[in-house]
Amino acid sequence: MAPLPALFNPAVQAVTARAFSAPSWARPWRRSAGHPRIAVIGNCQATGVAQALRLLLPGAEVETILVAGLDRRFGHIDRLARHLSGADHVFSHFFPEGFIAGGNVHGLAERVPGLRLFPTILFSGFHPDLVHVGDEASLRLSRLVASPIGPYHSAVALAGFRRGLSVEATLRLYTGPVFEQLGYFDLWQASADYLLRTARDVGFGLDREFALWCRGGVFMHVINHPRLPVLGNIARRLAREAGYTPLDLPVERYAPDMLAAEPVWPVLPGIAERYGVAGSTLFKGDGRRTPPRLLDLADFVAESFALYARHRPADLTCTRVDSWEAMPGIRALFDGAA
């Protein structure tokens, strides 16, 4: 999936907000008798949505098409459109130009009548310390620096390393008062506003669903991987609004949460206390191919420092940590921990 900070880019937001042309919405969707053919296009979240649709609509043929492989598989947007011509419904995340020759999702919508956009879930409220390091603007995970558990880093750890702190001194900064000074608790509202605005931009408002998710506790594994109940809610709405009656069952009780096999970032105690949820300092690595590693906070920071030491300083770029360098108060906060 695309690195999160790039998806907050105003230029990408502006393209996302473009309305579909009237003709693309004017023609009716084809309807199969009891066995609809559905295509779900998107990032890693699309896999969970497709999985939920298969469960909620028994008999439906549901194909997952990942945006990361569009160019390799289809080569041109016209070929993708021809592939989709036999589908009764096409549900898609927004994707910009560059993933397939010939255009972006709006160009695909002009070729595929009735294509329905649904939102990517991005929310950093539970994990405000999580950042990417490296070429964030490239939209390519291969251009990011790896952490001990994947492309996810602690801003506090990176800043501590760049300020010359020891691991022990950096660990003293993982407290609620420090998080307050870093503005972490302000990220909840900013992240919620972004999520709800981008959902409305694609015609899929999530105000009600977001309130329910918040009442249920932590609903994200990391900032760009929602837990399965979230994806199940989206799948159920897509099915209902397409004219079907999905089974009335909680998807998470009957299907595995595939994104839980990937890295999981803890809700750190200083954050958890603020929001009234269970806290943890255990970081989980990717477990899709090998048994996942579990690291406590001290080990995660120590291994992060060791990785950073093998990189050139110019490689360790991060929008947030770079901005902290220009803030005397935050520089003093880190220097005072030495």
C-alpha atoms as a PDB file:
ATOM      1  CA  MET A   1       0.000   0.000   0.000  1.00  0.00           C
ATOM      2  CA  ALA A   2       1.123   3.578  -0.568  1.00  0.00           C
ATOM      3  CA  PRO A   3       3.027   5.195   2.311  1.00  0.00           C
ATOM      4  CA  LEU A   4       0.593   7.097   4.491  1.00  0.00           C
ATOM      5  CA  PRO A   5       2.103  10.613   4.445  1.00  0.00           C
ATOM      6  CA  ALA A   6       1.936  10.694   0.649  1.00  0.00           C
ATOM      7  CA  LEU A   7      -1.787  10.058   0.818  1.00  0.00           C
ATOM      8  CA  PHE A   8      -2.193  13.251   2.856  1.00  0.00           C
ATOM      9  CA  ASN A   9      -0.601  15.222   0.004  1.00  0.00           C
ATOM     10  CA  PRO A  10      -2.926  18.117  -0.983  1.00  0.00           C
ATOM     11  CA  ALA A  11      -2.392  17.385  -4.674  1.00  0.00           C
ATOM     12  CA  VAL A  12      -3.605  13.822  -4.226  1.00  0.00           C
ATOM     13  CA  GLN A  13      -6.573  15.034  -2.170  1.00  0.00           C
ATOM     14  CA  ALA A  14      -7.543  17.462  -4.906  1.00  0.00           C
ATOM     15  CA  VAL A  15      -7.548  14.744  -7.549  1.00  0.00           C
ATOM     16  CA  THR A  16      -9.487  12.409  -5.264  1.00  0.00           C
ATOM     17  CA  ALA A  17     -12.224  14.979  -4.795  1.00  0.00           C
ATOM     18  CA  ARG A  18     -13.018  15.257  -8.524  1.00  0.00           C
ATOM     19  CA  ALA A  19     -16.553  14.195  -9.298  1.00  0.00           C
ATOM     20  CA  PHE A  20     -17.311  11.433 -11.769  1.00  0.00           C
ATOM     21  CA  SER A  21     -18.740  12.481 -15.093  1.00  0.00           C
ATOM     22  CA  ALA A  22     -22.517  12.242 -15.254  1.00  0.00           C
ATOM     23  CA  PRO A  23     -22.601   9.546 -17.961  1.00  0.00           C
ATOM     24  CA  SER A  24     -20.556   7.149 -15.832  1.00  0.00           C
ATOM     25  CA  TRP A  25     -23.281   7.183 -13.173  1.00  0.00           C
ATOM     26  CA  ALA A  26     -26.236   7.354 -15.533  1.00  0.00           C
ATOM     27  CA  ARG A  27     -26.117   3.821 -16.913  1.00  0.00           C
ATOM     28  CA  PRO A  28     -27.492   1.004 -14.730  1.00  0.00           C
ATOM     29  CA  TRP A  29     -25.368  -1.797 -13.330  1.00  0.00           C
ATOM     30  CA  ARG A  30     -25.946  -5.239 -14.773  1.00  0.00           C
ATOM     31  CA  ARG A  31     -27.470  -7.695 -12.317  1.00  0.00           C
ATOM     32  CA  SER A  32     -26.827 -11.445 -12.329  1.00  0.00           C
ATOM     33  CA  ALA A  33     -29.569 -13.722 -11.051  1.00  0.00           C
ATOM     34  CA  GLY A  34     -28.419 -14.617  -7.543  1.00  0.00           C
ATOM     35  CA  HIS A  35     -24.721 -14.970  -8.361  1.00  0.00           C
ATOM     36  CA  PRO A  36     -23.287 -11.494  -8.880  1.00  0.00           C
ATOM     37  CA  ARG A  37     -19.799 -11.030 -10.231  1.00  0.00           C
ATOM     38  CA  ILE A  38     -17.991  -8.377  -8.208  1.00  0.00           C
ATOM     39  CA  ALA A  39     -14.531  -6.880  -8.657  1.00  0.00           C
ATOM     40  CA  VAL A  40     -12.830  -5.074  -5.771  1.00  0.00           C
ATOM     41  CA  ILE A  41      -9.892  -2.856  -6.755  1.00  0.00           C
ATOM     42  CA  GLY A  42      -7.600  -1.294  -4.212  1.00  0.00           C
ATOM     43  CA  ASN A  43      -4.722  -1.538  -1.802  1.00  0.00           C
ATOM     44  CA  CYS A  44      -4.252  -4.183   0.888  1.00  0.00           C
ATOM     45  CA  GLN A  45      -7.563  -3.183   2.484  1.00  0.00           C
ATOM     46  CA  ALA A  46      -9.380  -4.315  -0.657  1.00  0.00           C
ATOM     47  CA  THR A  47      -8.447  -7.913   0.138  1.00  0.00           C
ATOM     48  CA  GLY A  48     -10.373  -7.745   3.421  1.00  0.00           C
ATOM     49  CA  VAL A  49     -13.365  -6.066   1.787  1.00  0.00           C
ATOM     50  CA  ALA A  50     -13.478  -8.770  -0.884  1.00  0.00           C
ATOM     51  CA  GLN A  51     -13.130 -11.471   1.766  1.00  0.00           C
ATOM     52  CA  ALA A  52     -16.076 -10.000   3.671  1.00  0.00           C
ATOM     53  CA  LEU A  53     -18.213  -9.751   0.520  1.00  0.00           C
ATOM     54  CA  ARG A  54     -17.684 -13.455  -0.197  1.00  0.00           C
ATOM     55  CA  LEU A  55     -18.921 -14.253   3.293  1.00  0.00           C
ATOM     56  CA  LEU A  56     -21.845 -11.827   3.294  1.00  0.00           C
ATOM     57  CA  LEU A  57     -23.067 -12.712  -0.213  1.00  0.00           C
ATOM     58  CA  PRO A  58     -22.928 -16.516  -0.563  1.00  0.00           C
ATOM     59  CA  GLY A  59     -22.669 -17.467  -4.205  1.00  0.00           C
ATOM     60  CA  ALA A  60     -21.107 -14.195  -5.296  1.00  0.00           C
ATOM     61  CA  GLU A  61     -17.967 -14.363  -7.416  1.00  0.00           C
ATOM     62  CA  VAL A  62     -15.622 -11.765  -5.945  1.00  0.00           C
ATOM     63  CA  GLU A  63     -12.273 -10.909  -7.517  1.00  0.00           C
ATOM     64  CA  THR A  64      -9.604  -8.850  -5.760  1.00  0.00           C
ATOM     65  CA  ILE A  65      -7.435  -6.664  -7.998  1.00  0.00           C
ATOM     66  CA  LEU A  66      -4.579  -4.949  -6.171  1.00  0.00           C
ATOM     67  CA  VAL A  67      -3.534  -1.541  -7.474  1.00  0.00           C
ATOM     68  CA  ALA A  68       0.130  -2.387  -6.911  1.00  0.00           C
ATOM     69  CA  GLY A  69      -0.096  -4.982  -9.688  1.00  0.00           C
ATOM     70  CA  LEU A  70      -2.313  -3.145 -12.172  1.00  0.00           C
ATOM     71  CA  ASP A  71       0.406  -2.215 -14.637  1.00  0.00           C
ATOM     72  CA  ARG A  72       2.114  -5.589 -14.485  1.00  0.00           C
ATOM     73  CA  ARG A  73      -1.134  -7.511 -14.961  1.00  0.00           C
ATOM     74  CA  PHE A  74      -3.034  -5.332 -17.431  1.00  0.00           C
ATOM     75  CA  GLY A  75      -0.529  -2.891 -18.936  1.00  0.00           C
ATOM     76  CA  HIS A  76      -3.111  -0.260 -19.893  1.00  0.00           C
ATOM     77  CA  ILE A  77      -6.340   1.020 -18.416  1.00  0.00           C
ATOM     78  CA  ASP A  78      -8.273  -0.015 -21.543  1.00  0.00           C
ATOM     79  CA  ARG A  79      -7.287  -3.634 -20.991  1.00  0.00           C
ATOM     80  CA  LEU A  80      -8.333  -3.381 -17.347  1.00  0.00           C
ATOM     81  CA  ALA A  81     -11.698  -1.955 -18.424  1.00  0.00           C
ATOM     82  CA  ARG A  82     -12.229  -4.834 -20.853  1.00  0.00           C
ATOM     83  CA  HIS A  83     -11.452  -7.298 -18.067  1.00  0.00           C
ATOM     84  CA  LEU A  84     -14.092  -5.632 -15.886  1.00  0.00           C
ATOM     85  CA  SER A  85     -16.767  -5.539 -18.591  1.00  0.00           C
ATOM     86  CA  GLY A  86     -18.296  -8.796 -17.380  1.00  0.00           C
ATOM     87  CA  ALA A  87     -18.635  -7.694 -13.755  1.00  0.00           C
ATOM     88  CA  ASP A  88     -21.987  -6.767 -12.282  1.00  0.00           C
ATOM     89  CA  HIS A  89     -20.321  -4.386  -9.837  1.00  0.00           C
ATOM     90  CA  VAL A  90     -16.902  -2.795  -9.590  1.00  0.00           C
ATOM     91  CA  PHE A  91     -15.881  -1.306  -6.243  1.00  0.00           C
ATOM     92  CA  SER A  92     -12.628   0.613  -6.163  1.00  0.00           C
ATOM     93  CA  HIS A  93     -10.331   2.644  -3.981  1.00  0.00           C
ATOM     94  CA  PHE A  94      -9.062   5.863  -5.462  1.00  0.00           C
ATOM     95  CA  PHE A  95      -5.754   5.393  -7.264  1.00  0.00           C
ATOM     96  CA  PRO A  96      -3.783   8.183  -8.957  1.00  0.00           C
ATOM     97  CA  GLU A  97      -1.987   8.128 -12.273  1.00  0.00           C
ATOM     98  CA  GLY A  98       1.183   6.086 -12.305  1.00  0.00           C
ATOM     99  CA  PHE A  99      -0.246   2.736 -11.264  1.00  0.00           C
ATOM    100  CA  ILE A 100      -1.358   1.842 -14.788  1.00  0.00           C
ATOM    101  CA  ALA A 101      -0.809   3.466 -18.164  1.00  0.00           C
ATOM    102  CA  GLY A 102      -3.727   5.455 -19.509  1.00  0.00           C
ATOM    103  CA  GLY A 103      -5.093   7.194 -16.434  1.00  0.00           C
ATOM    104  CA  ASN A 104      -6.304   7.022 -12.858  1.00  0.00           C
ATOM    105  CA  VAL A 105      -9.489   5.712 -11.279  1.00  0.00           C
ATOM    106  CA  HIS A 106     -11.522   8.523 -12.850  1.00  0.00           C
ATOM    107  CA  GLY A 107     -10.357   7.410 -16.280  1.00  0.00           C
ATOM    108  CA  LEU A 108     -11.395   3.874 -15.396  1.00  0.00           C
ATOM    109  CA  ALA A 109     -14.831   5.101 -14.278  1.00  0.00           C
ATOM    110  CA  GLU A 110     -15.366   6.656 -17.696  1.00  0.00           C
ATOM    111  CA  ARG A 111     -14.830   3.211 -19.211  1.00  0.00           C
ATOM    112  CA  VAL A 112     -16.674   1.139 -16.587  1.00  0.00           C
ATOM    113  CA  PRO A 113     -20.284   2.264 -16.045  1.00  0.00           C
ATOM    114  CA  GLY A 114     -21.383   2.242 -12.428  1.00  0.00           C
ATOM    115  CA  LEU A 115     -17.934   1.941 -10.856  1.00  0.00           C
ATOM    116  CA  ARG A 116     -18.347   2.728  -7.157  1.00  0.00           C
ATOM    117  CA  LEU A 117     -15.608   4.301  -5.095  1.00  0.00           C
ATOM    118  CA  PHE A 118     -15.119   3.368  -1.461  1.00  0.00           C
ATOM    119  CA  PRO A 119     -12.670   4.971   0.972  1.00  0.00           C
ATOM    120  CA  THR A 120      -9.250   3.908   2.140  1.00  0.00           C
ATOM    121  CA  ILE A 121      -9.181   3.903   5.942  1.00  0.00           C
ATOM    122  CA  LEU A 122      -6.264   5.928   7.292  1.00  0.00           C
ATOM    123  CA  PHE A 123      -6.285   6.871  10.966  1.00  0.00           C
ATOM    124  CA  SER A 124      -3.358   7.719  13.235  1.00  0.00           C
ATOM    125  CA  GLY A 125      -5.217   8.595  16.439  1.00  0.00           C
ATOM    126  CA  PHE A 126      -4.202   5.397  18.246  1.00  0.00           C
ATOM    127  CA  HIS A 127      -0.664   5.409  16.824  1.00  0.00           C
ATOM    128  CA  PRO A 128       0.466   9.045  16.621  1.00  0.00           C
ATOM    129  CA  ASP A 129       4.154   8.165  17.039  1.00  0.00           C
ATOM    130  CA  LEU A 130       4.174   5.972  13.914  1.00  0.00           C
ATOM    131  CA  VAL A 131       5.888   7.485  10.866  1.00  0.00           C
ATOM    132  CA  HIS A 132       7.578   6.475   7.619  1.00  0.00           C
ATOM    133  CA  VAL A 133      11.260   7.171   7.005  1.00  0.00           C
ATOM    134  CA  GLY A 134      12.771   7.693   3.565  1.00  0.00           C
ATOM    135  CA  ASP A 135      11.238   8.839   0.291  1.00  0.00           C
ATOM    136  CA  GLU A 136       7.658   9.267   1.489  1.00  0.00           C
ATOM    137  CA  ALA A 137       6.528  11.100  -1.649  1.00  0.00           C
ATOM    138  CA  SER A 138       7.409   8.235  -4.001  1.00  0.00           C
ATOM    139  CA  LEU A 139       4.300   6.169  -3.094  1.00  0.00           C
ATOM    140  CA  ARG A 140       6.635   3.145  -3.184  1.00  0.00           C
ATOM    141  CA  LEU A 141       7.360   1.029  -0.126  1.00  0.00           C
ATOM    142  CA  SER A 142      10.653   0.032  -1.729  1.00  0.00           C
ATOM    143  CA  ARG A 143      11.854   3.627  -1.291  1.00  0.00           C
ATOM    144  CA  LEU A 144      11.318   3.593   2.469  1.00  0.00           C
ATOM    145  CA  VAL A 145      13.802   2.676   5.189  1.00  0.00           C
ATOM    146  CA  ALA A 146      12.899  -0.549   6.996  1.00  0.00           C
ATOM    147  CA  SER A 147      12.379  -0.654  10.753  1.00  0.00           C
ATOM    148  CA  PRO A 148      12.616  -3.807  12.903  1.00  0.00           C
ATOM    149  CA  ILE A 149       8.999  -4.619  11.930  1.00  0.00           C
ATOM    150  CA  GLY A 150       8.655  -3.234   8.407  1.00  0.00           C
ATOM    151  CA  PRO A 151       8.085   0.286   7.034  1.00  0.00           C
ATOM    152  CA  TYR A 152       6.854   1.648  10.380  1.00  0.00           C
ATOM    153  CA  HIS A 153       9.059   3.778  12.645  1.00  0.00           C
ATOM    154  CA  SER A 154       8.796   5.627  15.931  1.00  0.00           C
ATOM    155  CA  ALA A 155       9.219   9.377  15.487  1.00  0.00           C
ATOM    156  CA  VAL A 156      10.546   9.608  19.045  1.00  0.00           C
ATOM    157  CA  ALA A 157      13.162   6.929  18.350  1.00  0.00           C
ATOM    158  CA  LEU A 158      14.284   8.556  15.110  1.00  0.00           C
ATOM    159  CA  ALA A 159      14.476  12.002  16.690  1.00  0.00           C
ATOM    160  CA  GLY A 160      16.404  10.599  19.649  1.00  0.00           C
ATOM    161  CA  PHE A 161      18.916   8.974  17.320  1.00  0.00           C
ATOM    162  CA  ARG A 162      19.308  12.112  15.229  1.00  0.00           C
ATOM    163  CA  ARG A 163      19.829  14.238  18.376  1.00  0.00           C
ATOM    164  CA  GLY A 164      22.559  11.885  19.568  1.00  0.00           C
ATOM    165  CA  LEU A 165      20.656  10.427  22.533  1.00  0.00           C
ATOM    166  CA  SER A 166      21.312   6.962  23.899  1.00  0.00           C
ATOM    167  CA  VAL A 167      18.662   4.253  23.747  1.00  0.00           C
ATOM    168  CA  GLU A 168      18.137   4.590  27.501  1.00  0.00           C
ATOM    169  CA  ALA A 169      17.643   8.358  27.299  1.00  0.00           C
ATOM    170  CA  THR A 170      15.232   8.008  24.389  1.00  0.00           C
ATOM    171  CA  LEU A 171      13.129   5.470  26.275  1.00  0.00           C
ATOM    172  CA  ARG A 172      12.507   8.057  28.991  1.00  0.00           C
ATOM    173  CA  LEU A 173      10.593  10.131  26.436  1.00  0.00           C
ATOM    174  CA  TYR A 174       7.766   7.615  25.939  1.00  0.00           C
ATOM    175  CA  THR A 175       5.397   9.230  28.432  1.00  0.00           C
ATOM    176  CA  GLY A 176       2.037  10.934  28.284  1.00  0.00           C
ATOM    177  CA  PRO A 177       3.408  14.402  29.169  1.00  0.00           C
ATOM    178  CA  VAL A 178       6.030  14.172  26.411  1.00  0.00           C
ATOM    179  CA  PHE A 179       3.410  13.003  23.924  1.00  0.00           C
ATOM    180  CA  GLU A 180       1.329  16.017  24.930  1.00  0.00           C
ATOM    181  CA  GLN A 181       4.227  18.373  24.196  1.00  0.00           C
ATOM    182  CA  LEU A 182       4.790  16.691  20.837  1.00  0.00           C
ATOM    183  CA  GLY A 183       1.180  17.375  19.855  1.00  0.00           C
ATOM    184  CA  TYR A 184       0.259  13.711  19.619  1.00  0.00           C
ATOM    185  CA  PHE A 185      -3.164  14.137  21.161  1.00  0.00           C
ATOM    186  CA  ASP A 186      -4.043  16.785  18.585  1.00  0.00           C
ATOM    187  CA  LEU A 187      -3.605  14.160  15.871  1.00  0.00           C
ATOM    188  CA  TRP A 188      -6.806  12.370  16.875  1.00  0.00           C
ATOM    189  CA  GLN A 189      -9.081  15.161  15.660  1.00  0.00           C
ATOM    190  CA  ALA A 190      -6.910  15.985  12.655  1.00  0.00           C
ATOM    191  CA  SER A 191      -6.853  12.334  11.607  1.00  0.00           C
ATOM    192  CA  ALA A 192     -10.599  11.927  12.161  1.00  0.00           C
ATOM    193  CA  ASP A 193     -11.299  15.039  10.097  1.00  0.00           C
ATOM    194  CA  TYR A 194      -9.120  13.723   7.284  1.00  0.00           C
ATOM    195  CA  LEU A 195     -10.761  10.289   7.289  1.00  0.00           C
ATOM    196  CA  LEU A 196     -14.300  11.654   7.280  1.00  0.00           C
ATOM    197  CA  ARG A 197     -13.534  14.298   4.651  1.00  0.00           C
ATOM    198  CA  THR A 198     -11.892  11.881   2.226  1.00  0.00           C
ATOM    199  CA  ALA A 199     -14.753   9.411   2.704  1.00  0.00           C
ATOM    200  CA  ARG A 200     -17.272  12.119   1.816  1.00  0.00           C
ATOM    201  CA  ASP A 201     -15.132  13.090  -1.185  1.00  0.00           C
ATOM    202  CA  VAL A 202     -15.724   9.653  -2.715  1.00  0.00           C
ATOM    203  CA  GLY A 203     -19.428   9.651  -1.864  1.00  0.00           C
ATOM    204  CA  PHE A 204     -19.148   7.205   1.029  1.00  0.00           C
ATOM    205  CA  GLY A 205     -19.675   9.167   4.237  1.00  0.00           C
ATOM    206  CA  LEU A 206     -18.459   7.371   7.356  1.00  0.00           C
ATOM    207  CA  ASP A 207     -19.636   9.622  10.191  1.00  0.00           C
ATOM    208  CA  ARG A 208     -21.943   6.989  11.710  1.00  0.00           C
ATOM    209  CA  GLU A 209     -19.503   4.128  11.213  1.00  0.00           C
ATOM    210  CA  PHE A 210     -16.597   6.099  12.675  1.00  0.00           C
ATOM    211  CA  ALA A 211     -18.567   6.816  15.845  1.00  0.00           C
ATOM    212  CA  LEU A 212     -19.350   3.108  16.221  1.00  0.00           C
ATOM    213  CA  TRP A 213     -15.727   2.110  15.621  1.00  0.00           C
ATOM    214  CA  CYS A 214     -14.535   4.517  18.300  1.00  0.00           C
ATOM    215  CA  ARG A 215     -17.017   3.135  20.819  1.00  0.00           C
ATOM    216  CA  GLY A 216     -15.695  -0.354  20.162  1.00  0.00           C
ATOM    217  CA  GLY A 217     -12.125   0.497  21.154  1.00  0.00           C
ATOM    218  CA  VAL A 218      -8.993   0.219  19.044  1.00  0.00           C
ATOM    219  CA  PHE A 219      -9.946  -0.412  15.409  1.00  0.00           C
ATOM    220  CA  MET A 220      -6.557  -0.095  13.692  1.00  0.00           C
ATOM    221  CA  HIS A 221      -3.547  -2.439  13.624  1.00  0.00           C
ATOM    222  CA  VAL A 222      -1.365   0.365  12.240  1.00  0.00           C
ATOM    223  CA  ILE A 223      -2.277   3.719  10.738  1.00  0.00           C
ATOM    224  CA  ASN A 224      -3.170   2.226   7.335  1.00  0.00           C
ATOM    225  CA  HIS A 225      -4.431  -1.234   8.350  1.00  0.00           C
ATOM    226  CA  PRO A 226      -7.908  -1.322   9.914  1.00  0.00           C
ATOM    227  CA  ARG A 227      -9.120  -4.337  11.815  1.00  0.00           C
ATOM    228  CA  LEU A 228     -11.517  -6.703  10.069  1.00  0.00           C
ATOM    229  CA  PRO A 229     -14.766  -5.358  11.637  1.00  0.00           C
ATOM    230  CA  VAL A 230     -14.086  -2.038   9.881  1.00  0.00           C
ATOM    231  CA  LEU A 231     -13.653  -3.691   6.494  1.00  0.00           C
ATOM    232  CA  GLY A 232     -16.712  -5.827   7.176  1.00  0.00           C
ATOM    233  CA  ASN A 233     -18.785  -2.689   7.765  1.00  0.00           C
ATOM    234  CA  ILE A 234     -17.631  -1.253   4.451  1.00  0.00           C
ATOM    235  CA  ALA A 235     -18.362  -4.501   2.594  1.00  0.00           C
ATOM    236  CA  ARG A 236     -21.845  -4.704   4.090  1.00  0.00           C
ATOM    237  CA  ARG A 237     -22.642  -1.162   2.969  1.00  0.00           C
ATOM    238  CA  LEU A 238     -21.333  -1.795  -0.533  1.00  0.00           C
ATOM    239  CA  ALA A 239     -23.539  -4.876  -0.796  1.00  0.00           C
ATOM    240  CA  ARG A 240     -26.656  -3.166   0.528  1.00  0.00           C
ATOM    241  CA  GLU A 241     -26.233  -0.065  -1.593  1.00  0.00           C
ATOM    242  CA  ALA A 242     -25.771  -2.291  -4.643  1.00  0.00           C
ATOM    243  CA  GLY A 243     -29.238  -3.718  -3.990  1.00  0.00           C
ATOM    244  CA  TYR A 244     -28.384  -6.960  -2.184  1.00  0.00           C
ATOM    245  CA  THR A 245     -29.291  -8.274   1.254  1.00  0.00           C
ATOM    246  CA  PRO A 246     -26.058  -9.389   2.932  1.00  0.00           C
ATOM    247  CA  LEU A 247     -26.098 -11.960   5.710  1.00  0.00           C
ATOM    248  CA  ASP A 248     -26.578 -10.431   9.141  1.00  0.00           C
ATOM    249  CA  LEU A 249     -23.433 -11.672  10.840  1.00  0.00           C
ATOM    250  CA  PRO A 250     -20.219 -10.199  12.274  1.00  0.00           C
ATOM    251  CA  VAL A 251     -17.564 -10.912   9.672  1.00  0.00           C
ATOM    252  CA  GLU A 252     -14.766 -11.052  12.245  1.00  0.00           C
ATOM    253  CA  ARG A 253     -16.304 -14.129  13.897  1.00  0.00           C
ATOM    254  CA  TYR A 254     -16.273 -16.166  10.709  1.00  0.00           C
ATOM    255  CA  ALA A 255     -13.194 -15.028   8.809  1.00  0.00           C
ATOM    256  CA  PRO A 256      -9.534 -14.465   9.687  1.00  0.00           C
ATOM    257  CA  ASP A 257      -8.202 -10.925   9.910  1.00  0.00           C
ATOM    258  CA  MET A 258      -5.579 -11.061   7.167  1.00  0.00           C
ATOM    259  CA  LEU A 259      -4.049  -7.697   8.074  1.00  0.00           C
ATOM    260  CA  ALA A 260      -3.380  -8.961  11.608  1.00  0.00           C
ATOM    261  CA  ALA A 261      -0.716 -11.210  10.074  1.00  0.00           C
ATOM    262  CA  GLU A 262       1.210  -8.095   9.040  1.00  0.00           C
ATOM    263  CA  PRO A 263       2.954  -5.676  11.442  1.00  0.00           C
ATOM    264  CA  VAL A 264       0.966  -4.506  14.462  1.00  0.00           C
ATOM    265  CA  TRP A 265       1.865  -1.329  16.343  1.00  0.00           C
ATOM    266  CA  PRO A 266       0.869  -1.132  20.013  1.00  0.00           C
ATOM    267  CA  VAL A 267      -1.220   1.594  21.561  1.00  0.00           C
ATOM    268  CA  LEU A 268       1.491   2.888  23.867  1.00  0.00           C
ATOM    269  CA  PRO A 269       0.492   3.306  27.530  1.00  0.00           C
ATOM    270  CA  GLY A 270       0.782   7.102  27.426  1.00  0.00           C
ATOM    271  CA  ILE A 271      -1.696   7.127  24.524  1.00  0.00           C
ATOM    272  CA  ALA A 272      -3.959   4.363  25.814  1.00  0.00           C
ATOM    273  CA  GLU A 273      -4.519   6.091  29.144  1.00  0.00           C
ATOM    274  CA  ARG A 274      -5.739   9.215  27.369  1.00  0.00           C
ATOM    275  CA  TYR A 275      -8.322   7.314  25.306  1.00  0.00           C
ATOM    276  CA  GLY A 276      -9.400   4.696  27.839  1.00  0.00           C
ATOM    277  CA  VAL A 277      -8.206   1.632  25.933  1.00  0.00           C
ATOM    278  CA  ALA A 278      -5.775  -1.152  26.786  1.00  0.00           C
ATOM    279  CA  GLY A 279      -2.153  -0.170  26.324  1.00  0.00           C
ATOM    280  CA  SER A 280       0.869  -2.225  25.328  1.00  0.00           C
ATOM    281  CA  THR A 281       4.554  -1.896  24.472  1.00  0.00           C
ATOM    282  CA  LEU A 282       4.769  -5.025  22.289  1.00  0.00           C
ATOM    283  CA  PHE A 283       5.510  -4.516  18.594  1.00  0.00           C
ATOM    284  CA  LYS A 284       4.688  -7.385  16.214  1.00  0.00           C
ATOM    285  CA  GLY A 285       6.522  -7.996  12.971  1.00  0.00           C
ATOM    286  CA  ASP A 286       5.232  -9.420   9.705  1.00  0.00           C
ATOM    287  CA  GLY A 287       4.066 -13.001  10.131  1.00  0.00           C
ATOM    288  CA  ARG A 288       2.891 -13.842   6.628  1.00  0.00           C
ATOM    289  CA  ARG A 289       5.904 -15.928   5.612  1.00  0.00           C
ATOM    290  CA  THR A 290       7.685 -16.661   8.887  1.00  0.00           C
ATOM    291  CA  PRO A 291       6.606 -16.653  12.534  1.00  0.00           C
ATOM    292  CA  PRO A 292       6.257 -13.012  13.624  1.00  0.00           C
ATOM    293  CA  ARG A 293       8.759 -11.375  15.936  1.00  0.00           C
ATOM    294  CA  LEU A 294       7.541  -9.711  19.116  1.00  0.00           C
ATOM    295  CA  LEU A 295       9.653  -6.838  20.423  1.00  0.00           C
ATOM    296  CA  ASP A 296       9.113  -4.824  23.570  1.00  0.00           C
ATOM    297  CA  LEU A 297       9.660  -1.071  23.423  1.00  0.00           C
ATOM    298  CA  ALA A 298      13.268  -1.221  24.633  1.00  0.00           C
ATOM    299  CA  ASP A 299      14.215  -3.830  22.026  1.00  0.00           C
ATOM    300  CA  PHE A 300      12.349  -1.989  19.282  1.00  0.00           C
ATOM    301  CA  VAL A 301      14.175   1.278  19.998  1.00  0.00           C
ATOM    302  CA  ALA A 302      17.555  -0.451  20.344  1.00  0.00           C
ATOM    303  CA  GLU A 303      17.136  -2.304  17.044  1.00  0.00           C
ATOM    304  CA  SER A 304      15.912   0.876  15.361  1.00  0.00           C
ATOM    305  CA  PHE A 305      19.071   2.682  16.483  1.00  0.00           C
ATOM    306  CA  ALA A 306      21.209  -0.146  15.104  1.00  0.00           C
ATOM    307  CA  LEU A 307      19.433   0.067  11.746  1.00  0.00           C
ATOM    308  CA  TYR A 308      19.740   3.858  11.599  1.00  0.00           C
ATOM    309  CA  ALA A 309      23.471   3.625  12.269  1.00  0.00           C
ATOM    310  CA  ARG A 310      23.881   1.664   9.026  1.00  0.00           C
ATOM    311  CA  HIS A 311      22.265   4.408   6.931  1.00  0.00           C
ATOM    312  CA  ARG A 312      23.557   7.732   5.703  1.00  0.00           C
ATOM    313  CA  PRO A 313      21.988  10.663   7.589  1.00  0.00           C
ATOM    314  CA  ALA A 314      20.502  11.850   4.289  1.00  0.00           C
ATOM    315  CA  ASP A 315      18.509   8.604   4.055  1.00  0.00           C
ATOM    316  CA  LEU A 316      16.798   9.150   7.413  1.00  0.00           C
ATOM    317  CA  THR A 317      14.331  11.772   6.253  1.00  0.00           C
ATOM    318  CA  CYS A 318      10.927  12.083   7.886  1.00  0.00           C
ATOM    319  CA  THR A 319       8.528  14.977   7.452  1.00  0.00           C
ATOM    320  CA  ARG A 320       7.549  15.145  11.105  1.00  0.00           C
ATOM    321  CA  VAL A 321      11.002  14.721  12.605  1.00  0.00           C
ATOM    322  CA  ASP A 322      12.431  17.174  10.084  1.00  0.00           C
ATOM    323  CA  SER A 323       9.848  19.733  11.224  1.00  0.00           C
ATOM    324  CA  TRP A 324      10.822  19.183  14.866  1.00  0.00           C
ATOM    325  CA  GLU A 325      14.353  20.304  14.040  1.00  0.00           C
ATOM    326  CA  ALA A 326      12.962  23.800  13.445  1.00  0.00           C
ATOM    327  CA  MET A 327      11.159  23.915  16.813  1.00  0.00           C
ATOM    328  CA  PRO A 328      13.390  25.064  19.693  1.00  0.00           C
ATOM    329  CA  GLY A 329      11.007  23.730  22.328  1.00  0.00           C
ATOM    330  CA  ILE A 330      11.042  20.212  20.919  1.00  0.00           C
ATOM    331  CA  ARG A 331      14.806  20.272  20.407  1.00  0.00           C
ATOM    332  CA  ALA A 332      15.163  21.254  24.057  1.00  0.00           C
ATOM    333  CA  LEU A 333      12.775  18.468  25.084  1.00  0.00           C
ATOM    334  CA  PHE A 334      14.988  15.835  23.474  1.00  0.00           C
ATOM    335  CA  ASP A 335      18.266  17.399  24.554  1.00  0.00           C
ATOM    336  CA  GLY A 336      16.990  17.549  28.119  1.00  0.00           C
ATOM    337  CA  ALA A 337      16.539  13.772  28.176  1.00  0.00           C
ATOM    338  CA  ALA A 338      20.255  13.140  27.603  1.00  0.00           C
END
